[in-house]
Amino acid sequence: MDIQAEINWIHQEIDKVKDPSFVDKLKHLLQFENSEKTETNIDYNIDIDKALNDIKNGNYFDEVEARAISKKWGRT
């Protein structure tokens, strides 16, 4: 199916929607998809680089330590 046919089908399906929460979710999805993502991608990559450096430098918790920390938060 070509892109225009896909868009036409989506339009037809959206016209059938009556659930306000679904409409809101779809609106947020479209807003995100149409927003400028460059800064988000840059921040994401910076966070990944920092995390990889932390791991390389031994700055992380093993499973036992992570479980002990999570118990302090009230989770098991």
PDB file of N, CA and C in Angstrom:
ATOM      1  N   MET A   1       0.850  -1.180   0.000  1.00  0.00           N
ATOM      2  CA  MET A   1       0.000   0.000   0.000  1.00  0.00           C
ATOM      3  C   MET A   1       0.897   1.245   0.000  1.00  0.00           C
ATOM      4  N   ASP A   2       0.554   2.215  -0.805  1.00  0.00           N
ATOM      5  CA  ASP A   2       1.375   3.418  -0.842  1.00  0.00           C
ATOM      6  C   ASP A   2       1.030   4.345   0.317  1.00  0.00           C
ATOM      7  N   ILE A   3       1.861   5.336   0.546  1.00  0.00           N
ATOM      8  CA  ILE A   3       1.721   6.213   1.706  1.00  0.00           C
ATOM      9  C   ILE A   3       0.396   6.970   1.687  1.00  0.00           C
ATOM     10  N   GLN A   4      -0.043   7.421   0.524  1.00  0.00           N
ATOM     11  CA  GLN A   4      -1.302   8.166   0.465  1.00  0.00           C
ATOM     12  C   GLN A   4      -2.480   7.265   0.826  1.00  0.00           C
ATOM     13  N   ALA A   5      -2.444   6.026   0.397  1.00  0.00           N
ATOM     14  CA  ALA A   5      -3.497   5.080   0.762  1.00  0.00           C
ATOM     15  C   ALA A   5      -3.488   4.831   2.266  1.00  0.00           C
ATOM     16  N   GLU A   6      -2.309   4.721   2.841  1.00  0.00           N
ATOM     17  CA  GLU A   6      -2.179   4.542   4.296  1.00  0.00           C
ATOM     18  C   GLU A   6      -2.768   5.744   5.034  1.00  0.00           C
ATOM     19  N   ILE A   7      -2.438   6.943   4.577  1.00  0.00           N
ATOM     20  CA  ILE A   7      -2.951   8.161   5.215  1.00  0.00           C
ATOM     21  C   ILE A   7      -4.464   8.232   5.097  1.00  0.00           C
ATOM     22  N   ASN A   8      -4.992   7.886   3.939  1.00  0.00           N
ATOM     23  CA  ASN A   8      -6.449   7.885   3.766  1.00  0.00           C
ATOM     24  C   ASN A   8      -7.121   6.901   4.719  1.00  0.00           C
ATOM     25  N   TRP A   9      -6.525   5.720   4.872  1.00  0.00           N
ATOM     26  CA  TRP A   9      -7.085   4.728   5.796  1.00  0.00           C
ATOM     27  C   TRP A   9      -7.059   5.251   7.226  1.00  0.00           C
ATOM     28  N   ILE A  10      -5.941   5.869   7.616  1.00  0.00           N
ATOM     29  CA  ILE A  10      -5.822   6.428   8.965  1.00  0.00           C
ATOM     30  C   ILE A  10      -6.883   7.501   9.190  1.00  0.00           C
ATOM     31  N   HIS A  11      -7.081   8.365   8.216  1.00  0.00           N
ATOM     32  CA  HIS A  11      -8.122   9.399   8.332  1.00  0.00           C
ATOM     33  C   HIS A  11      -9.491   8.770   8.570  1.00  0.00           C
ATOM     34  N   GLN A  12      -9.800   7.738   7.804  1.00  0.00           N
ATOM     35  CA  GLN A  12     -11.100   7.068   7.948  1.00  0.00           C
ATOM     36  C   GLN A  12     -11.254   6.455   9.339  1.00  0.00           C
ATOM     37  N   GLU A  13     -10.194   5.845   9.825  1.00  0.00           N
ATOM     38  CA  GLU A  13     -10.255   5.219  11.151  1.00  0.00           C
ATOM     39  C   GLU A  13     -10.363   6.264  12.255  1.00  0.00           C
ATOM     40  N   ILE A  14      -9.650   7.368  12.122  1.00  0.00           N
ATOM     41  CA  ILE A  14      -9.719   8.437  13.131  1.00  0.00           C
ATOM     42  C   ILE A  14     -11.126   9.002  13.208  1.00  0.00           C
ATOM     43  N   ASP A  15     -11.780   9.120  12.060  1.00  0.00           N
ATOM     44  CA  ASP A  15     -13.149   9.645  12.045  1.00  0.00           C
ATOM     45  C   ASP A  15     -14.113   8.766  12.850  1.00  0.00           C
ATOM     46  N   LYS A  16     -13.773   7.517  13.062  1.00  0.00           N
ATOM     47  CA  LYS A  16     -14.631   6.590  13.808  1.00  0.00           C
ATOM     48  C   LYS A  16     -14.397   6.653  15.317  1.00  0.00           C
ATOM     49  N   VAL A  17     -13.291   7.251  15.744  1.00  0.00           N
ATOM     50  CA  VAL A  17     -12.906   7.253  17.152  1.00  0.00           C
ATOM     51  C   VAL A  17     -13.824   8.148  17.963  1.00  0.00           C
ATOM     52  N   LYS A  18     -14.286   7.624  19.103  1.00  0.00           N
ATOM     53  CA  LYS A  18     -15.162   8.379  20.009  1.00  0.00           C
ATOM     54  C   LYS A  18     -14.570   8.516  21.411  1.00  0.00           C
ATOM     55  N   ASP A  19     -13.443   7.874  21.649  1.00  0.00           N
ATOM     56  CA  ASP A  19     -12.814   7.851  22.978  1.00  0.00           C
ATOM     57  C   ASP A  19     -11.897   9.060  23.141  1.00  0.00           C
ATOM     58  N   PRO A  20     -12.253  10.008  24.041  1.00  0.00           N
ATOM     59  CA  PRO A  20     -11.433  11.205  24.217  1.00  0.00           C
ATOM     60  C   PRO A  20      -9.996  10.907  24.664  1.00  0.00           C
ATOM     61  N   SER A  21      -9.799   9.868  25.476  1.00  0.00           N
ATOM     62  CA  SER A  21      -8.435   9.567  25.933  1.00  0.00           C
ATOM     63  C   SER A  21      -7.573   9.066  24.780  1.00  0.00           C
ATOM     64  N   PHE A  22      -8.179   8.321  23.856  1.00  0.00           N
ATOM     65  CA  PHE A  22      -7.431   7.875  22.679  1.00  0.00           C
ATOM     66  C   PHE A  22      -7.056   9.062  21.800  1.00  0.00           C
ATOM     67  N   VAL A  23      -7.998   9.975  21.629  1.00  0.00           N
ATOM     68  CA  VAL A  23      -7.732  11.179  20.836  1.00  0.00           C
ATOM     69  C   VAL A  23      -6.582  11.964  21.463  1.00  0.00           C
ATOM     70  N   ASP A  24      -6.582  12.079  22.781  1.00  0.00           N
ATOM     71  CA  ASP A  24      -5.517  12.801  23.473  1.00  0.00           C
ATOM     72  C   ASP A  24      -4.166  12.121  23.258  1.00  0.00           C
ATOM     73  N   LYS A  25      -4.138  10.799  23.363  1.00  0.00           N
ATOM     74  CA  LYS A  25      -2.891  10.060  23.148  1.00  0.00           C
ATOM     75  C   LYS A  25      -2.396  10.226  21.714  1.00  0.00           C
ATOM     76  N   LEU A  26      -3.307  10.156  20.778  1.00  0.00           N
ATOM     77  CA  LEU A  26      -2.944  10.333  19.377  1.00  0.00           C
ATOM     78  C   LEU A  26      -2.410  11.744  19.134  1.00  0.00           C
ATOM     79  N   LYS A  27      -3.042  12.713  19.759  1.00  0.00           N
ATOM     80  CA  LYS A  27      -2.590  14.100  19.645  1.00  0.00           C
ATOM     81  C   LYS A  27      -1.159  14.243  20.150  1.00  0.00           C
ATOM     82  N   HIS A  28      -0.869  13.649  21.320  1.00  0.00           N
ATOM     83  CA  HIS A  28       0.485  13.726  21.879  1.00  0.00           C
ATOM     84  C   HIS A  28       1.496  13.006  20.985  1.00  0.00           C
ATOM     85  N   LEU A  29       1.093  11.879  20.428  1.00  0.00           N
ATOM     86  CA  LEU A  29       1.971  11.154  19.514  1.00  0.00           C
ATOM     87  C   LEU A  29       2.313  12.015  18.306  1.00  0.00           C
ATOM     88  N   LEU A  30       1.312  12.644  17.728  1.00  0.00           N
ATOM     89  CA  LEU A  30       1.547  13.487  16.564  1.00  0.00           C
ATOM     90  C   LEU A  30       2.378  14.719  16.914  1.00  0.00           C
ATOM     91  N   GLN A  31       2.130  15.292  18.073  1.00  0.00           N
ATOM     92  CA  GLN A  31       2.918  16.445  18.498  1.00  0.00           C
ATOM     93  C   GLN A  31       4.382  16.057  18.665  1.00  0.00           C
ATOM     94  N   PHE A  32       4.626  14.899  19.264  1.00  0.00           N
ATOM     95  CA  PHE A  32       6.000  14.431  19.441  1.00  0.00           C
ATOM     96  C   PHE A  32       6.646  14.160  18.087  1.00  0.00           C
ATOM     97  N   GLU A  33       5.905  13.492  17.219  1.00  0.00           N
ATOM     98  CA  GLU A  33       6.445  13.131  15.911  1.00  0.00           C
ATOM     99  C   GLU A  33       6.778  14.369  15.083  1.00  0.00           C
ATOM    100  N   ASN A  34       6.010  15.426  15.266  1.00  0.00           N
ATOM    101  CA  ASN A  34       6.215  16.639  14.481  1.00  0.00           C
ATOM    102  C   ASN A  34       7.134  17.647  15.162  1.00  0.00           C
ATOM    103  N   SER A  35       7.563  17.361  16.383  1.00  0.00           N
ATOM    104  CA  SER A  35       8.422  18.293  17.111  1.00  0.00           C
ATOM    105  C   SER A  35       9.869  18.160  16.642  1.00  0.00           C
ATOM    106  N   GLU A  36      10.656  19.117  17.021  1.00  0.00           N
ATOM    107  CA  GLU A  36      12.080  19.091  16.695  1.00  0.00           C
ATOM    108  C   GLU A  36      12.745  18.066  17.609  1.00  0.00           C
ATOM    109  N   LYS A  37      13.262  17.003  17.052  1.00  0.00           N
ATOM    110  CA  LYS A  37      13.828  15.913  17.841  1.00  0.00           C
ATOM    111  C   LYS A  37      15.347  16.001  17.975  1.00  0.00           C
ATOM    112  N   THR A  38      15.965  16.908  17.263  1.00  0.00           N
ATOM    113  CA  THR A  38      17.422  16.967  17.257  1.00  0.00           C
ATOM    114  C   THR A  38      17.980  17.132  18.655  1.00  0.00           C
ATOM    115  N   GLU A  39      17.450  18.078  19.417  1.00  0.00           N
ATOM    116  CA  GLU A  39      17.947  18.312  20.774  1.00  0.00           C
ATOM    117  C   GLU A  39      17.720  17.089  21.646  1.00  0.00           C
ATOM    118  N   THR A  40      16.567  16.459  21.495  1.00  0.00           N
ATOM    119  CA  THR A  40      16.267  15.264  22.269  1.00  0.00           C
ATOM    120  C   THR A  40      17.271  14.157  21.949  1.00  0.00           C
ATOM    121  N   ASN A  41      17.568  13.968  20.684  1.00  0.00           N
ATOM    122  CA  ASN A  41      18.523  12.945  20.286  1.00  0.00           C
ATOM    123  C   ASN A  41      19.915  13.252  20.818  1.00  0.00           C
ATOM    124  N   ILE A  42      20.303  14.517  20.792  1.00  0.00           N
ATOM    125  CA  ILE A  42      21.614  14.903  21.314  1.00  0.00           C
ATOM    126  C   ILE A  42      21.684  14.615  22.804  1.00  0.00           C
ATOM    127  N   ASP A  43      20.658  15.026  23.553  1.00  0.00           N
ATOM    128  CA  ASP A  43      20.621  14.767  24.996  1.00  0.00           C
ATOM    129  C   ASP A  43      20.652  13.274  25.284  1.00  0.00           C
ATOM    130  N   TYR A  44      19.888  12.511  24.514  1.00  0.00           N
ATOM    131  CA  TYR A  44      19.840  11.056  24.685  1.00  0.00           C
ATOM    132  C   TYR A  44      21.224  10.450  24.482  1.00  0.00           C
ATOM    133  N   ASN A  45      21.900  10.866  23.431  1.00  0.00           N
ATOM    134  CA  ASN A  45      23.238  10.333  23.157  1.00  0.00           C
ATOM    135  C   ASN A  45      24.244  10.742  24.226  1.00  0.00           C
ATOM    136  N   ILE A  46      24.115  11.948  24.748  1.00  0.00           N
ATOM    137  CA  ILE A  46      24.994  12.390  25.835  1.00  0.00           C
ATOM    138  C   ILE A  46      24.771  11.525  27.068  1.00  0.00           C
ATOM    139  N   ASP A  47      23.499  11.258  27.393  1.00  0.00           N
ATOM    140  CA  ASP A  47      23.187  10.400  28.546  1.00  0.00           C
ATOM    141  C   ASP A  47      23.760   8.998  28.363  1.00  0.00           C
ATOM    142  N   ILE A  48      23.670   8.462  27.163  1.00  0.00           N
ATOM    143  CA  ILE A  48      24.220   7.128  26.898  1.00  0.00           C
ATOM    144  C   ILE A  48      25.738   7.147  27.074  1.00  0.00           C
ATOM    145  N   ASP A  49      26.387   8.169  26.521  1.00  0.00           N
ATOM    146  CA  ASP A  49      27.843   8.267  26.672  1.00  0.00           C
ATOM    147  C   ASP A  49      28.246   8.358  28.143  1.00  0.00           C
ATOM    148  N   LYS A  50      27.510   9.132  28.930  1.00  0.00           N
ATOM    149  CA  LYS A  50      27.807   9.246  30.363  1.00  0.00           C
ATOM    150  C   LYS A  50      27.634   7.894  31.050  1.00  0.00           C
ATOM    151  N   ALA A  51      26.558   7.195  30.709  1.00  0.00           N
ATOM    152  CA  ALA A  51      26.306   5.890  31.325  1.00  0.00           C
ATOM    153  C   ALA A  51      27.406   4.894  30.969  1.00  0.00           C
ATOM    154  N   LEU A  52      27.816   4.891  29.716  1.00  0.00           N
ATOM    155  CA  LEU A  52      28.892   3.982  29.305  1.00  0.00           C
ATOM    156  C   LEU A  52      30.201   4.304  30.025  1.00  0.00           C
ATOM    157  N   ASN A  53      30.487   5.593  30.200  1.00  0.00           N
ATOM    158  CA  ASN A  53      31.684   5.978  30.950  1.00  0.00           C
ATOM    159  C   ASN A  53      31.583   5.552  32.405  1.00  0.00           C
ATOM    160  N   ASP A  54      30.387   5.702  33.004  1.00  0.00           N
ATOM    161  CA  ASP A  54      30.195   5.245  34.386  1.00  0.00           C
ATOM    162  C   ASP A  54      30.474   3.758  34.506  1.00  0.00           C
ATOM    163  N   ILE A  55      29.952   2.979  33.570  1.00  0.00           N
ATOM    164  CA  ILE A  55      30.166   1.527  33.607  1.00  0.00           C
ATOM    165  C   ILE A  55      31.647   1.217  33.455  1.00  0.00           C
ATOM    166  N   LYS A  56      32.294   1.876  32.497  1.00  0.00           N
ATOM    167  CA  LYS A  56      33.728   1.652  32.263  1.00  0.00           C
ATOM    168  C   LYS A  56      34.540   1.978  33.508  1.00  0.00           C
ATOM    169  N   ASN A  57      34.110   2.995  34.252  1.00  0.00           N
ATOM    170  CA  ASN A  57      34.829   3.415  35.456  1.00  0.00           C
ATOM    171  C   ASN A  57      34.369   2.693  36.722  1.00  0.00           C
ATOM    172  N   GLY A  58      33.478   1.718  36.566  1.00  0.00           N
ATOM    173  CA  GLY A  58      33.028   0.931  37.706  1.00  0.00           C
ATOM    174  C   GLY A  58      31.981   1.622  38.560  1.00  0.00           C
ATOM    175  N   ASN A  59      31.374   2.674  38.057  1.00  0.00           N
ATOM    176  CA  ASN A  59      30.336   3.401  38.808  1.00  0.00           C
ATOM    177  C   ASN A  59      28.947   2.846  38.491  1.00  0.00           C
ATOM    178  N   TYR A  60      28.664   1.705  39.069  1.00  0.00           N
ATOM    179  CA  TYR A  60      27.347   1.088  38.892  1.00  0.00           C
ATOM    180  C   TYR A  60      27.090   0.174  40.073  1.00  0.00           C
ATOM    181  N   PHE A  61      25.836  -0.278  40.199  1.00  0.00           N
ATOM    182  CA  PHE A  61      25.437  -1.177  41.273  1.00  0.00           C
ATOM    183  C   PHE A  61      25.236  -2.564  40.695  1.00  0.00           C
ATOM    184  N   ASP A  62      25.701  -3.585  41.426  1.00  0.00           N
ATOM    185  CA  ASP A  62      25.403  -4.941  40.990  1.00  0.00           C
ATOM    186  C   ASP A  62      23.965  -5.280  41.405  1.00  0.00           C
ATOM    187  N   GLU A  63      23.513  -6.446  41.033  1.00  0.00           N
ATOM    188  CA  GLU A  63      22.110  -6.810  41.262  1.00  0.00           C
ATOM    189  C   GLU A  63      21.758  -6.796  42.754  1.00  0.00           C
ATOM    190  N   VAL A  64      22.625  -7.310  43.599  1.00  0.00           N
ATOM    191  CA  VAL A  64      22.362  -7.356  45.042  1.00  0.00           C
ATOM    192  C   VAL A  64      22.225  -5.933  45.591  1.00  0.00           C
ATOM    193  N   GLU A  65      23.135  -5.057  45.194  1.00  0.00           N
ATOM    194  CA  GLU A  65      23.068  -3.663  45.649  1.00  0.00           C
ATOM    195  C   GLU A  65      21.809  -2.967  45.132  1.00  0.00           C
ATOM    196  N   ALA A  66      21.472  -3.210  43.881  1.00  0.00           N
ATOM    197  CA  ALA A  66      20.277  -2.580  43.301  1.00  0.00           C
ATOM    198  C   ALA A  66      19.012  -3.039  44.017  1.00  0.00           C
ATOM    199  N   ARG A  67      18.944  -4.326  44.362  1.00  0.00           N
ATOM    200  CA  ARG A  67      17.767  -4.828  45.091  1.00  0.00           C
ATOM    201  C   ARG A  67      17.686  -4.200  46.487  1.00  0.00           C
ATOM    202  N   ALA A  68      18.819  -4.044  47.150  1.00  0.00           N
ATOM    203  CA  ALA A  68      18.840  -3.429  48.480  1.00  0.00           C
ATOM    204  C   ALA A  68      18.374  -1.976  48.398  1.00  0.00           C
ATOM    205  N   ILE A  69      18.812  -1.268  47.378  1.00  0.00           N
ATOM    206  CA  ILE A  69      18.383   0.123  47.201  1.00  0.00           C
ATOM    207  C   ILE A  69      16.894   0.186  46.916  1.00  0.00           C
ATOM    208  N   SER A  70      16.408  -0.703  46.053  1.00  0.00           N
ATOM    209  CA  SER A  70      14.984  -0.662  45.704  1.00  0.00           C
ATOM    210  C   SER A  70      14.097  -1.004  46.900  1.00  0.00           C
ATOM    211  N   LYS A  71      14.593  -1.840  47.819  1.00  0.00           N
ATOM    212  CA  LYS A  71      13.812  -2.146  49.023  1.00  0.00           C
ATOM    213  C   LYS A  71      13.625  -0.905  49.880  1.00  0.00           C
ATOM    214  N   LYS A  72      14.605  -0.020  49.861  1.00  0.00           N
ATOM    215  CA  LYS A  72      14.479   1.236  50.604  1.00  0.00           C
ATOM    216  C   LYS A  72      13.382   2.118  50.018  1.00  0.00           C
ATOM    217  N   TRP A  73      13.098   1.916  48.735  1.00  0.00           N
ATOM    218  CA  TRP A  73      12.040   2.680  48.068  1.00  0.00           C
ATOM    219  C   TRP A  73      10.677   2.039  48.260  1.00  0.00           C
ATOM    220  N   GLY A  74      10.668   0.868  48.916  1.00  0.00           N
ATOM    221  CA  GLY A  74       9.399   0.168  49.139  1.00  0.00           C
ATOM    222  C   GLY A  74       9.059  -0.823  48.040  1.00  0.00           C
ATOM    223  N   ARG A  75      10.050  -1.133  47.206  1.00  0.00           N
ATOM    224  CA  ARG A  75       9.843  -2.105  46.145  1.00  0.00           C
ATOM    225  C   ARG A  75      10.704  -3.315  46.432  1.00  0.00           C
ATOM    226  N   THR A  76      10.281  -4.480  45.916  1.00  0.00           N
ATOM    227  CA  THR A  76      11.089  -5.699  46.107  1.00  0.00           C
ATOM    228  C   THR A  76      11.677  -6.160  44.817  1.00  0.00           C
TER     229      THR A  76
END
